[in-house]
Amino acid sequence: MSTYNFVSTVIPYAYEGHDHKMTTVTKVDQDVLCSQSTRILTSIERSTTVGNEIMVMETMNYETATEERSARYDRIGPLAMPDYDGSGLCQHCTAGQDDTQSFNVTECRDSGNSLQCFNYVEEIFAGPRLTVAGSALRTTQYVAPSAGVYNFVFTQTIPATITESGGESFTIGPYEWKGIITGSCLGPTTFEINEIVTKYIAVDVPARTVSHPG
């Protein structure tokens, strides 16, 4: 069986928090820019002058920080970019709780007077999928005027819960949902409802990120 290092496919790249650009990949080991971001960092510098009186001066400093995350095409999985399932070639990027994604990150900080850039490796670990449940006893009485099928709708709330994943705490919920109890009758009657309604919701815990300075 022969394997080839060449491909020809168009994939998204350079995710900026709201949309993608598109790029053509021609080699499986080609580096792909997966995401880029820009943010403004602020800091306050305080200086004290002592003369006839003490004066404290504050100077606001600004830095523009840009980050670019890239990975080889054959190492891109579903965690790399939103709405993209990955190259399908990454063996440790299978969908599920054990999903991971590694990036080579270049971060540059520009103060206007100087530019500093540094590189490091960043890993994203998928959070587990949890199931939260909510139950409530619904009691009501209803007089049906005629034959038919009647739906009784109850609004329920599963309260917020705190869970841990990878040493970090996350708040899940609250979730609002509607419970439905259906009854039928052949003529005028009174429905006596005394039921426990339970709802199960699957929740994906947010992925966690670990940086390794270069």
Protein backbone atom coordinates (compact mmCIF):
# COMPACT_ATOMS: atom_id res chain seq x y z
CA MET A 1 0.00 0.00 0.00
CA SER A 2 1.38 3.41 -1.00
CA THR A 3 0.89 6.68 0.87
CA TYR A 4 1.27 10.13 -0.61
CA ASN A 5 2.20 13.44 0.97
CA PHE A 6 0.09 15.48 -1.42
CA VAL A 7 -3.54 16.59 -1.19
CA SER A 8 -5.66 19.23 -2.85
CA THR A 9 -8.44 20.62 -0.69
CA VAL A 10 -9.89 23.96 0.36
CA ILE A 11 -10.41 24.42 4.09
CA PRO A 12 -11.24 27.32 6.44
CA TYR A 13 -8.41 29.12 8.21
CA ALA A 14 -7.59 32.26 10.20
CA TYR A 15 -10.69 32.19 12.38
CA GLU A 16 -11.12 35.65 13.96
CA GLY A 17 -13.98 35.04 16.38
CA HIS A 18 -16.78 35.56 13.88
CA ASP A 19 -15.83 34.09 10.49
CA HIS A 20 -13.21 32.21 8.48
CA LYS A 21 -11.16 32.83 5.42
CA MET A 22 -10.46 29.95 3.02
CA THR A 23 -7.14 28.48 1.97
CA THR A 24 -5.93 25.65 -0.29
CA VAL A 25 -3.90 22.82 1.23
CA THR A 26 -1.62 20.86 -1.10
CA LYS A 27 0.52 18.85 1.36
CA VAL A 28 -0.51 16.87 4.43
CA ASP A 29 2.32 18.41 6.48
CA GLN A 30 1.47 21.97 5.43
CA ASP A 31 1.18 24.48 8.27
CA VAL A 32 -2.28 26.03 8.47
CA LEU A 33 -3.09 29.25 10.29
CA CYS A 34 -6.10 28.17 12.34
CA SER A 35 -6.93 31.33 14.25
CA GLN A 36 -5.72 34.84 14.84
CA SER A 37 -6.75 37.46 17.34
CA THR A 38 -5.88 40.99 18.39
CA ARG A 39 -6.43 42.57 21.78
CA ILE A 40 -5.40 45.78 23.54
CA LEU A 41 -3.50 45.46 26.82
CA THR A 42 -3.51 48.37 29.25
CA SER A 43 -1.28 49.08 32.21
CA ILE A 44 -0.82 52.01 34.57
CA GLU A 45 2.64 53.35 35.37
CA ARG A 46 2.88 55.42 38.54
CA SER A 47 5.72 57.82 39.32
CA THR A 48 6.24 59.89 42.44
CA THR A 49 7.91 63.30 42.53
CA VAL A 50 9.06 64.65 45.88
CA GLY A 51 9.74 68.36 46.10
CA ASN A 52 7.88 70.99 48.02
CA GLU A 53 4.99 68.59 47.76
CA ILE A 54 4.47 64.95 46.84
CA MET A 55 2.98 64.44 43.39
CA VAL A 56 1.92 61.10 42.01
CA MET A 57 1.70 60.90 38.23
CA GLU A 58 -0.15 58.12 36.45
CA THR A 59 0.55 57.19 32.84
CA MET A 60 -1.67 54.84 30.90
CA ASN A 61 0.30 52.51 28.62
CA TYR A 62 -1.18 50.54 25.75
CA GLU A 63 0.08 47.45 23.95
CA THR A 64 -1.41 45.71 20.94
CA ALA A 65 -1.15 41.94 21.36
CA THR A 66 -1.65 39.68 18.34
CA GLU A 67 -1.82 35.89 18.53
CA GLU A 68 -1.61 33.41 15.67
CA ARG A 69 -2.31 29.69 16.20
CA SER A 70 -1.22 27.21 13.58
CA ALA A 71 -1.01 23.44 13.16
CA ARG A 72 -0.02 20.98 10.47
CA TYR A 73 -2.91 19.94 8.25
CA ASP A 74 -2.59 16.29 9.27
CA ARG A 75 -2.72 17.34 12.94
CA ILE A 76 -5.89 19.43 12.75
CA GLY A 77 -8.90 18.00 14.58
CA PRO A 78 -12.43 19.21 15.38
CA LEU A 79 -11.23 21.45 18.23
CA ALA A 80 -9.04 23.58 15.95
CA MET A 81 -11.74 25.77 14.41
CA PRO A 82 -15.50 26.14 14.88
CA ASP A 83 -17.70 24.42 12.29
CA TYR A 84 -14.78 22.39 10.89
CA ASP A 85 -14.36 18.69 11.64
CA GLY A 86 -10.61 18.62 10.97
CA SER A 87 -8.49 16.94 8.34
CA GLY A 88 -9.50 13.42 9.34
CA LEU A 89 -5.81 12.46 9.48
CA CYS A 90 -5.14 13.25 13.14
CA GLN A 91 -5.19 10.00 15.13
CA HIS A 92 -5.45 11.63 18.56
CA CYS A 93 -8.08 14.14 17.41
CA THR A 94 -11.04 11.76 17.32
CA ALA A 95 -14.31 13.27 18.45
CA GLY A 96 -15.23 12.70 22.07
CA GLN A 97 -14.06 13.36 25.59
CA ASP A 98 -10.42 12.45 24.76
CA ASP A 99 -10.23 15.06 21.99
CA THR A 100 -7.06 17.20 22.03
CA GLN A 101 -5.58 19.83 19.75
CA SER A 102 -2.06 21.27 19.77
CA PHE A 103 -1.16 24.67 18.32
CA ASN A 104 2.10 26.45 17.66
CA VAL A 105 1.39 29.97 18.89
CA THR A 106 3.19 33.16 17.91
CA GLU A 107 2.34 36.12 20.12
CA CYS A 108 3.60 39.63 19.42
CA ARG A 109 3.22 42.72 21.59
CA ASP A 110 3.62 46.17 20.06
CA SER A 111 3.85 49.13 22.42
CA GLY A 112 4.48 51.62 19.63
CA ASN A 113 8.10 51.96 20.74
CA SER A 114 9.09 48.32 20.66
CA LEU A 115 7.89 45.01 19.25
CA GLN A 116 8.38 41.74 21.11
CA CYS A 117 7.43 38.32 19.77
CA PHE A 118 7.63 34.89 21.37
CA ASN A 119 6.51 31.37 20.55
CA TYR A 120 4.95 28.63 22.63
CA VAL A 121 2.85 25.49 22.34
CA GLU A 122 -0.79 25.51 23.38
CA GLU A 123 -2.96 22.44 23.93
CA ILE A 124 -6.74 22.27 24.09
CA PHE A 125 -8.43 19.38 25.89
CA ALA A 126 -12.10 18.65 25.24
CA GLY A 127 -14.33 18.73 28.27
CA PRO A 128 -16.51 15.74 29.17
CA ARG A 129 -20.17 15.45 28.24
CA LEU A 130 -22.33 15.45 31.35
CA THR A 131 -25.99 14.73 31.86
CA VAL A 132 -28.03 16.92 34.18
CA ALA A 133 -31.52 15.97 35.28
CA GLY A 134 -34.48 17.86 36.68
CA SER A 135 -37.63 16.40 38.19
CA ALA A 136 -40.78 18.02 39.52
CA LEU A 137 -44.10 16.85 40.88
CA ARG A 138 -46.92 18.34 38.84
CA THR A 139 -50.35 18.43 40.46
CA THR A 140 -53.36 20.00 38.81
CA GLN A 141 -57.06 19.51 38.09
CA TYR A 142 -58.80 20.32 34.83
CA VAL A 143 -62.42 19.94 33.74
CA ALA A 144 -62.55 18.84 30.10
CA PRO A 145 -65.76 20.13 28.47
CA SER A 146 -65.85 17.48 25.72
CA ALA A 147 -64.15 14.43 24.23
CA GLY A 148 -60.64 14.92 22.89
CA VAL A 149 -56.93 14.85 23.54
CA TYR A 150 -55.58 17.39 26.02
CA ASN A 151 -51.95 18.47 26.53
CA PHE A 152 -50.94 19.95 29.87
CA VAL A 153 -47.72 21.98 29.56
CA PHE A 154 -45.57 22.84 32.58
CA THR A 155 -42.54 25.12 32.53
CA GLN A 156 -39.68 23.71 34.59
CA THR A 157 -36.20 24.96 35.51
CA ILE A 158 -33.11 22.87 36.19
CA PRO A 159 -31.05 25.03 38.58
CA ALA A 160 -27.41 25.90 37.98
CA THR A 161 -24.87 23.34 39.17
CA ILE A 162 -21.09 23.51 39.60
CA THR A 163 -18.89 20.74 38.21
CA GLU A 164 -15.14 20.19 37.86
CA SER A 165 -13.07 19.13 34.87
CA GLY A 166 -9.29 19.09 34.69
CA GLY A 167 -8.98 20.88 38.01
CA GLU A 168 -11.24 23.75 36.89
CA SER A 169 -14.76 24.54 38.08
CA PHE A 170 -17.60 25.30 35.69
CA THR A 171 -21.16 26.47 36.24
CA ILE A 172 -23.72 24.60 34.16
CA GLY A 173 -27.21 25.99 33.67
CA PRO A 174 -29.75 27.00 34.66
CA TYR A 175 -31.87 25.41 31.93
CA GLU A 176 -35.55 26.04 31.32
CA TRP A 177 -37.64 23.34 29.66
CA LYS A 178 -41.27 22.43 29.18
CA GLY A 179 -42.83 19.21 30.41
CA ILE A 180 -45.93 17.88 28.65
CA ILE A 181 -48.51 15.47 30.04
CA THR A 182 -51.08 14.19 27.55
CA GLY A 183 -54.51 12.84 28.43
CA SER A 184 -57.57 11.83 26.41
CA CYS A 185 -61.24 11.31 27.18
CA LEU A 186 -64.41 10.14 25.38
CA GLY A 187 -66.61 12.83 26.89
CA PRO A 188 -66.71 15.56 29.52
CA THR A 189 -64.55 14.58 32.46
CA THR A 190 -62.19 15.87 35.12
CA PHE A 191 -58.47 15.22 34.79
CA GLU A 192 -56.63 14.70 38.05
CA ILE A 193 -52.91 15.05 37.36
CA ASN A 194 -50.39 13.97 39.95
CA GLU A 195 -47.22 13.07 38.03
CA ILE A 196 -43.45 13.41 38.42
CA VAL A 197 -41.96 14.86 35.21
CA THR A 198 -38.22 14.29 34.59
CA LYS A 199 -35.97 15.84 31.95
CA TYR A 200 -32.39 14.85 31.05
CA ILE A 201 -30.12 17.32 29.24
CA ALA A 202 -26.67 16.47 27.80
CA VAL A 203 -24.13 19.25 28.40
CA ASP A 204 -20.63 19.63 26.95
CA VAL A 205 -18.21 21.08 29.50
CA PRO A 206 -16.05 23.83 27.87
CA ALA A 207 -12.64 22.74 26.60
CA ARG A 208 -9.66 23.71 28.74
CA THR A 209 -6.46 25.25 27.40
CA VAL A 210 -2.89 24.63 28.63
CA SER A 211 0.06 26.70 27.39
CA HIS A 212 3.68 25.48 27.33
CA PRO A 213 6.18 28.36 27.06
CA GLY A 214 8.75 27.88 24.36
